[in-house]
Amino acid sequence: MGKPRSAPRPAWIGQSLRFGLVAPVVFLVDWGVLSALGAAGIGPYAGRVASLAVSVAVGFVLNRSFTFRAAGRPTWAQARGYALAAALGVGVNYGVFALAVHAGLPNALAIASGMLAAAAVTFLRFRAVFRQT
């Protein structure tokens, strides 16, 4: 008798692991942009709006190609869907960030707190965006 065949692993498991690998890269982009803008005299609230915009764009490219392995060229429909899905995550992210900064946490910890709070929401929405295309 041979070994019983194991059921194929659900796609979301690999996707969630790859999503977890992309997150630190997006964090570093976010933090780097916020830090550069802070060094230029821009406050953390306004700077975070810009750092979030840049990190969402980087996240789109990495999540599309690496996390969800979408085939073909990116489309405007994907970008629009991703941006709308990210908007909810950004709202959660920025809200938690603002609360953390107000509580006196350093920017890096405030960013990480916001990202963690938004991770589940964004993963599920991004997955839906790339599954539909």
C-alpha atoms as a PDB file:
ATOM      1  CA  MET A   1       0.000   0.000   0.000  1.00  0.00           C
ATOM      2  CA  GLY A   2       1.246   3.448  -0.896  1.00  0.00           C
ATOM      3  CA  LYS A   3       1.061   6.587   1.078  1.00  0.00           C
ATOM      4  CA  PRO A   4      -2.371   8.172   1.062  1.00  0.00           C
ATOM      5  CA  ARG A   5      -2.514  11.247  -1.116  1.00  0.00           C
ATOM      6  CA  SER A   6      -2.798  14.456   0.747  1.00  0.00           C
ATOM      7  CA  ALA A   7      -5.320  17.003  -0.411  1.00  0.00           C
ATOM      8  CA  PRO A   8      -3.851  19.889  -2.369  1.00  0.00           C
ATOM      9  CA  ARG A   9      -3.018  22.876  -0.222  1.00  0.00           C
ATOM     10  CA  PRO A  10      -5.525  25.715  -0.633  1.00  0.00           C
ATOM     11  CA  ALA A  11      -4.161  28.632  -2.678  1.00  0.00           C
ATOM     12  CA  TRP A  12      -4.840  31.120   0.113  1.00  0.00           C
ATOM     13  CA  ILE A  13      -2.184  29.508   2.315  1.00  0.00           C
ATOM     14  CA  GLY A  14       0.658  30.227  -0.100  1.00  0.00           C
ATOM     15  CA  GLN A  15      -0.826  33.593  -0.910  1.00  0.00           C
ATOM     16  CA  SER A  16      -1.009  34.593   2.737  1.00  0.00           C
ATOM     17  CA  LEU A  17       2.601  33.523   3.284  1.00  0.00           C
ATOM     18  CA  ARG A  18       3.759  35.549   0.263  1.00  0.00           C
ATOM     19  CA  PHE A  19       1.591  38.468   1.445  1.00  0.00           C
ATOM     20  CA  GLY A  20       3.516  38.262   4.715  1.00  0.00           C
ATOM     21  CA  LEU A  21       6.805  38.495   2.806  1.00  0.00           C
ATOM     22  CA  VAL A  22       5.649  41.523   0.824  1.00  0.00           C
ATOM     23  CA  ALA A  23       4.485  43.379   3.944  1.00  0.00           C
ATOM     24  CA  PRO A  24       7.991  44.144   5.300  1.00  0.00           C
ATOM     25  CA  VAL A  25       9.041  45.545   1.918  1.00  0.00           C
ATOM     26  CA  VAL A  26       5.962  47.777   1.822  1.00  0.00           C
ATOM     27  CA  PHE A  27       6.662  48.768   5.439  1.00  0.00           C
ATOM     28  CA  LEU A  28      10.230  49.792   4.568  1.00  0.00           C
ATOM     29  CA  VAL A  29       9.010  51.851   1.604  1.00  0.00           C
ATOM     30  CA  ASP A  30       6.359  53.498   3.787  1.00  0.00           C
ATOM     31  CA  TRP A  31       8.788  54.218   6.605  1.00  0.00           C
ATOM     32  CA  GLY A  32      11.523  55.366   4.233  1.00  0.00           C
ATOM     33  CA  VAL A  33       9.269  57.865   2.479  1.00  0.00           C
ATOM     34  CA  LEU A  34       7.848  59.108   5.787  1.00  0.00           C
ATOM     35  CA  SER A  35      11.359  59.464   7.230  1.00  0.00           C
ATOM     36  CA  ALA A  36      12.633  61.328   4.151  1.00  0.00           C
ATOM     37  CA  LEU A  37       9.678  63.692   4.242  1.00  0.00           C
ATOM     38  CA  GLY A  38      10.139  64.186   7.986  1.00  0.00           C
ATOM     39  CA  ALA A  39      13.786  65.109   7.398  1.00  0.00           C
ATOM     40  CA  ALA A  40      12.530  67.661   4.862  1.00  0.00           C
ATOM     41  CA  GLY A  41      10.349  69.238   7.558  1.00  0.00           C
ATOM     42  CA  ILE A  42       7.002  67.667   6.676  1.00  0.00           C
ATOM     43  CA  GLY A  43       5.017  66.487   9.711  1.00  0.00           C
ATOM     44  CA  PRO A  44       4.030  62.853  10.234  1.00  0.00           C
ATOM     45  CA  TYR A  45       0.341  63.272   9.401  1.00  0.00           C
ATOM     46  CA  ALA A  46       0.845  64.947   6.014  1.00  0.00           C
ATOM     47  CA  GLY A  47       3.930  62.847   5.339  1.00  0.00           C
ATOM     48  CA  ARG A  48       1.992  59.660   5.979  1.00  0.00           C
ATOM     49  CA  VAL A  49      -0.523  60.537   3.267  1.00  0.00           C
ATOM     50  CA  ALA A  50       2.342  60.610   0.748  1.00  0.00           C
ATOM     51  CA  SER A  51       4.092  57.546   2.180  1.00  0.00           C
ATOM     52  CA  LEU A  52       0.847  55.579   2.015  1.00  0.00           C
ATOM     53  CA  ALA A  53       0.329  56.538  -1.642  1.00  0.00           C
ATOM     54  CA  VAL A  54       3.812  55.336  -2.561  1.00  0.00           C
ATOM     55  CA  SER A  55       3.536  52.159  -0.496  1.00  0.00           C
ATOM     56  CA  VAL A  56       0.144  51.280  -2.044  1.00  0.00           C
ATOM     57  CA  ALA A  57       1.670  51.591  -5.536  1.00  0.00           C
ATOM     58  CA  VAL A  58       4.614  49.378  -4.571  1.00  0.00           C
ATOM     59  CA  GLY A  59       2.228  46.947  -2.882  1.00  0.00           C
ATOM     60  CA  PHE A  60       0.137  46.685  -6.057  1.00  0.00           C
ATOM     61  CA  VAL A  61       3.131  45.675  -8.141  1.00  0.00           C
ATOM     62  CA  LEU A  62       4.471  43.177  -5.599  1.00  0.00           C
ATOM     63  CA  ASN A  63       1.133  41.672  -4.602  1.00  0.00           C
ATOM     64  CA  ARG A  64      -0.014  41.341  -8.193  1.00  0.00           C
ATOM     65  CA  SER A  65       3.137  39.656  -9.434  1.00  0.00           C
ATOM     66  CA  PHE A  66       4.386  37.780  -6.365  1.00  0.00           C
ATOM     67  CA  THR A  67       1.577  37.252  -3.849  1.00  0.00           C
ATOM     68  CA  PHE A  68      -1.291  36.436  -6.209  1.00  0.00           C
ATOM     69  CA  ARG A  69       0.759  35.640  -9.342  1.00  0.00           C
ATOM     70  CA  ALA A  70      -1.684  37.333 -11.673  1.00  0.00           C
ATOM     71  CA  ALA A  71      -1.058  36.512 -15.319  1.00  0.00           C
ATOM     72  CA  GLY A  72      -0.673  38.999 -18.117  1.00  0.00           C
ATOM     73  CA  ARG A  73      -0.136  42.706 -17.968  1.00  0.00           C
ATOM     74  CA  PRO A  74      -1.664  44.822 -15.222  1.00  0.00           C
ATOM     75  CA  THR A  75      -4.957  46.408 -16.222  1.00  0.00           C
ATOM     76  CA  TRP A  76      -6.618  49.640 -15.201  1.00  0.00           C
ATOM     77  CA  ALA A  77      -9.481  47.556 -13.810  1.00  0.00           C
ATOM     78  CA  GLN A  78      -7.044  45.733 -11.512  1.00  0.00           C
ATOM     79  CA  ALA A  79      -5.376  48.968 -10.454  1.00  0.00           C
ATOM     80  CA  ARG A  80      -8.748  50.598  -9.774  1.00  0.00           C
ATOM     81  CA  GLY A  81     -10.021  47.555  -7.859  1.00  0.00           C
ATOM     82  CA  TYR A  82      -6.795  47.366  -5.893  1.00  0.00           C
ATOM     83  CA  ALA A  83      -6.950  51.082  -5.076  1.00  0.00           C
ATOM     84  CA  LEU A  84     -10.555  50.787  -3.878  1.00  0.00           C
ATOM     85  CA  ALA A  85      -9.694  47.716  -1.798  1.00  0.00           C
ATOM     86  CA  ALA A  86      -6.647  49.510  -0.429  1.00  0.00           C
ATOM     87  CA  ALA A  87      -8.738  52.552   0.515  1.00  0.00           C
ATOM     88  CA  LEU A  88     -10.477  50.620   3.268  1.00  0.00           C
ATOM     89  CA  GLY A  89      -7.153  49.259   4.490  1.00  0.00           C
ATOM     90  CA  VAL A  90      -5.592  52.710   4.290  1.00  0.00           C
ATOM     91  CA  GLY A  91      -8.416  54.135   6.392  1.00  0.00           C
ATOM     92  CA  VAL A  92      -7.888  51.514   9.069  1.00  0.00           C
ATOM     93  CA  ASN A  93      -4.113  51.847   8.758  1.00  0.00           C
ATOM     94  CA  TYR A  94      -4.090  55.642   9.017  1.00  0.00           C
ATOM     95  CA  GLY A  95      -6.592  55.683  11.881  1.00  0.00           C
ATOM     96  CA  VAL A  96      -4.537  53.283  13.969  1.00  0.00           C
ATOM     97  CA  PHE A  97      -1.339  55.156  12.995  1.00  0.00           C
ATOM     98  CA  ALA A  98      -2.808  58.486  14.137  1.00  0.00           C
ATOM     99  CA  LEU A  99      -3.945  56.983  17.443  1.00  0.00           C
ATOM    100  CA  ALA A 100      -0.504  55.436  17.987  1.00  0.00           C
ATOM    101  CA  VAL A 101       1.323  58.712  17.212  1.00  0.00           C
ATOM    102  CA  HIS A 102      -1.062  60.570  19.510  1.00  0.00           C
ATOM    103  CA  ALA A 103      -0.267  57.996  22.212  1.00  0.00           C
ATOM    104  CA  GLY A 104       3.438  58.815  21.807  1.00  0.00           C
ATOM    105  CA  LEU A 105       4.668  55.746  19.920  1.00  0.00           C
ATOM    106  CA  PRO A 106       7.615  56.190  17.542  1.00  0.00           C
ATOM    107  CA  ASN A 107       6.751  56.449  13.834  1.00  0.00           C
ATOM    108  CA  ALA A 108       8.072  52.958  13.012  1.00  0.00           C
ATOM    109  CA  LEU A 109       5.899  51.323  15.670  1.00  0.00           C
ATOM    110  CA  ALA A 110       2.912  53.462  14.711  1.00  0.00           C
ATOM    111  CA  ILE A 111       3.286  52.413  11.055  1.00  0.00           C
ATOM    112  CA  ALA A 112       3.613  48.743  12.018  1.00  0.00           C
ATOM    113  CA  SER A 113       0.503  48.995  14.209  1.00  0.00           C
ATOM    114  CA  GLY A 114      -1.499  50.469  11.357  1.00  0.00           C
ATOM    115  CA  MET A 115      -0.269  47.861   8.904  1.00  0.00           C
ATOM    116  CA  LEU A 116      -1.114  44.962  11.198  1.00  0.00           C
ATOM    117  CA  ALA A 117      -4.603  46.295  11.844  1.00  0.00           C
ATOM    118  CA  ALA A 118      -5.291  46.565   8.109  1.00  0.00           C
ATOM    119  CA  ALA A 119      -3.579  43.314   7.007  1.00  0.00           C
ATOM    120  CA  ALA A 120      -6.555  40.954   7.210  1.00  0.00           C
ATOM    121  CA  VAL A 121      -8.898  43.399   5.493  1.00  0.00           C
ATOM    122  CA  THR A 122      -6.497  44.145   2.675  1.00  0.00           C
ATOM    123  CA  PHE A 123      -5.483  40.521   2.087  1.00  0.00           C
ATOM    124  CA  LEU A 124      -9.079  39.417   1.596  1.00  0.00           C
ATOM    125  CA  ARG A 125      -9.954  42.343  -0.657  1.00  0.00           C
ATOM    126  CA  PHE A 126      -6.761  42.105  -2.746  1.00  0.00           C
ATOM    127  CA  ARG A 127      -7.327  38.383  -3.166  1.00  0.00           C
ATOM    128  CA  ALA A 128     -10.793  39.112  -4.540  1.00  0.00           C
ATOM    129  CA  VAL A 129      -9.409  41.711  -6.969  1.00  0.00           C
ATOM    130  CA  PHE A 130      -6.877  39.356  -8.501  1.00  0.00           C
ATOM    131  CA  ARG A 131      -9.228  36.355  -8.502  1.00  0.00           C
ATOM    132  CA  GLN A 132     -11.721  38.244 -10.683  1.00  0.00           C
ATOM    133  CA  THR A 133      -9.209  39.024 -13.409  1.00  0.00           C
END
